[in-house]
Amino acid sequence: MDRARETEEGSEKLIGIDLTGKTAVITGASPGLGEAFARMLHRAGANVAVGYVALGQNRMNAEKIVAELGPRALPVEGDVRDP
């Protein structure tokens, strides 16, 4: 079993798990904790769907995150709150 480990890289911490070939769907990824998780999982090798609700600056923030992460990231508009 892989254990999460913290490794300093500048001010960022990485997890010690290889997620290459896996896909993570992060709801509410723009901005805050969801953004941090999206970036962390991407650094660990995962493809990342960056979910956002179409309110205010969320779309622009999600598109900025995806542009920074590159081709393994995709912005996804959606609302997973109570239907």
Protein backbone atom coordinates (compact mmCIF):
# COMPACT_ATOMS: atom_id res chain seq x y z
CA MET A 1 0.00 0.00 0.00
CA ASP A 2 1.35 3.43 -0.95
CA ARG A 3 1.44 5.93 1.86
CA ALA A 4 1.09 9.63 1.23
CA ARG A 5 4.35 11.39 1.95
CA GLU A 6 5.12 15.05 2.03
CA THR A 7 8.06 16.27 -0.02
CA GLU A 8 9.05 19.91 -0.11
CA GLU A 9 9.25 21.43 -3.58
CA GLY A 10 9.39 25.14 -3.07
CA SER A 11 6.32 25.83 -0.96
CA GLU A 12 4.28 22.97 -2.46
CA LYS A 13 3.83 19.50 -1.04
CA LEU A 14 3.48 16.44 -3.24
CA ILE A 15 1.92 13.08 -2.53
CA GLY A 16 3.94 9.89 -2.98
CA ILE A 17 1.40 8.12 -5.19
CA ASP A 18 1.69 7.59 -8.96
CA LEU A 19 -1.67 8.34 -10.58
CA THR A 20 -0.48 8.11 -14.18
CA GLY A 21 -3.31 6.90 -16.40
CA LYS A 22 -5.99 7.66 -13.79
CA THR A 23 -8.61 10.39 -14.10
CA ALA A 24 -9.76 12.64 -11.27
CA VAL A 25 -13.00 14.61 -11.39
CA ILE A 26 -12.76 17.58 -9.06
CA THR A 27 -16.05 19.37 -8.42
CA GLY A 28 -15.78 22.95 -7.25
CA ALA A 29 -12.19 23.22 -8.45
CA SER A 30 -12.34 26.94 -9.03
CA PRO A 31 -10.92 28.28 -6.67
CA GLY A 32 -9.91 27.11 -3.18
CA LEU A 33 -9.38 23.59 -1.89
CA GLY A 34 -10.74 22.03 -5.07
CA GLU A 35 -8.13 23.92 -7.10
CA ALA A 36 -5.38 22.76 -4.74
CA PHE A 37 -6.52 19.13 -5.02
CA ALA A 38 -6.74 19.40 -8.82
CA ARG A 39 -3.16 20.68 -8.98
CA MET A 40 -1.88 18.06 -6.53
CA LEU A 41 -3.52 15.16 -8.37
CA HIS A 42 -2.27 16.49 -11.70
CA ARG A 43 1.31 16.62 -10.34
CA ALA A 44 0.87 13.00 -9.26
CA GLY A 45 0.16 12.09 -12.91
CA ALA A 46 -3.65 12.06 -13.09
CA ASN A 47 -5.75 13.52 -15.87
CA VAL A 48 -7.93 16.14 -14.21
CA ALA A 49 -11.47 17.33 -14.98
CA VAL A 50 -11.72 20.78 -13.39
CA GLY A 51 -15.37 21.24 -12.46
CA TYR A 52 -16.99 24.61 -11.87
CA VAL A 53 -20.42 26.19 -11.46
CA ALA A 54 -21.14 28.89 -14.05
CA LEU A 55 -21.30 31.76 -11.57
CA GLY A 56 -19.12 34.87 -11.41
CA GLN A 57 -15.46 34.31 -12.20
CA ASN A 58 -15.59 30.51 -11.87
CA ARG A 59 -15.36 29.79 -15.60
CA MET A 60 -12.42 32.14 -16.08
CA ASN A 61 -10.67 30.65 -13.04
CA ALA A 62 -11.22 27.09 -14.28
CA GLU A 63 -9.93 27.95 -17.75
CA LYS A 64 -6.85 29.58 -16.20
CA ILE A 65 -6.14 26.46 -14.12
CA VAL A 66 -6.55 24.21 -17.18
CA ALA A 67 -4.27 26.44 -19.27
CA GLU A 68 -1.59 26.20 -16.57
CA LEU A 69 -1.94 22.43 -16.18
CA GLY A 70 -1.88 21.67 -19.90
CA PRO A 71 -3.32 18.88 -22.05
CA ARG A 72 -4.12 16.47 -19.19
CA ALA A 73 -6.71 18.91 -17.80
CA LEU A 74 -10.21 19.76 -18.99
CA PRO A 75 -12.69 22.39 -17.74
CA VAL A 76 -16.15 20.96 -17.06
CA GLU A 77 -19.16 23.15 -16.31
CA GLY A 78 -21.71 21.56 -14.03
CA ASP A 79 -23.63 21.83 -10.81
CA VAL A 80 -23.60 18.80 -8.50
CA ARG A 81 -25.61 20.45 -5.74
CA ASP A 82 -29.01 19.11 -4.78
CA PRO A 83 -30.93 18.50 -8.06
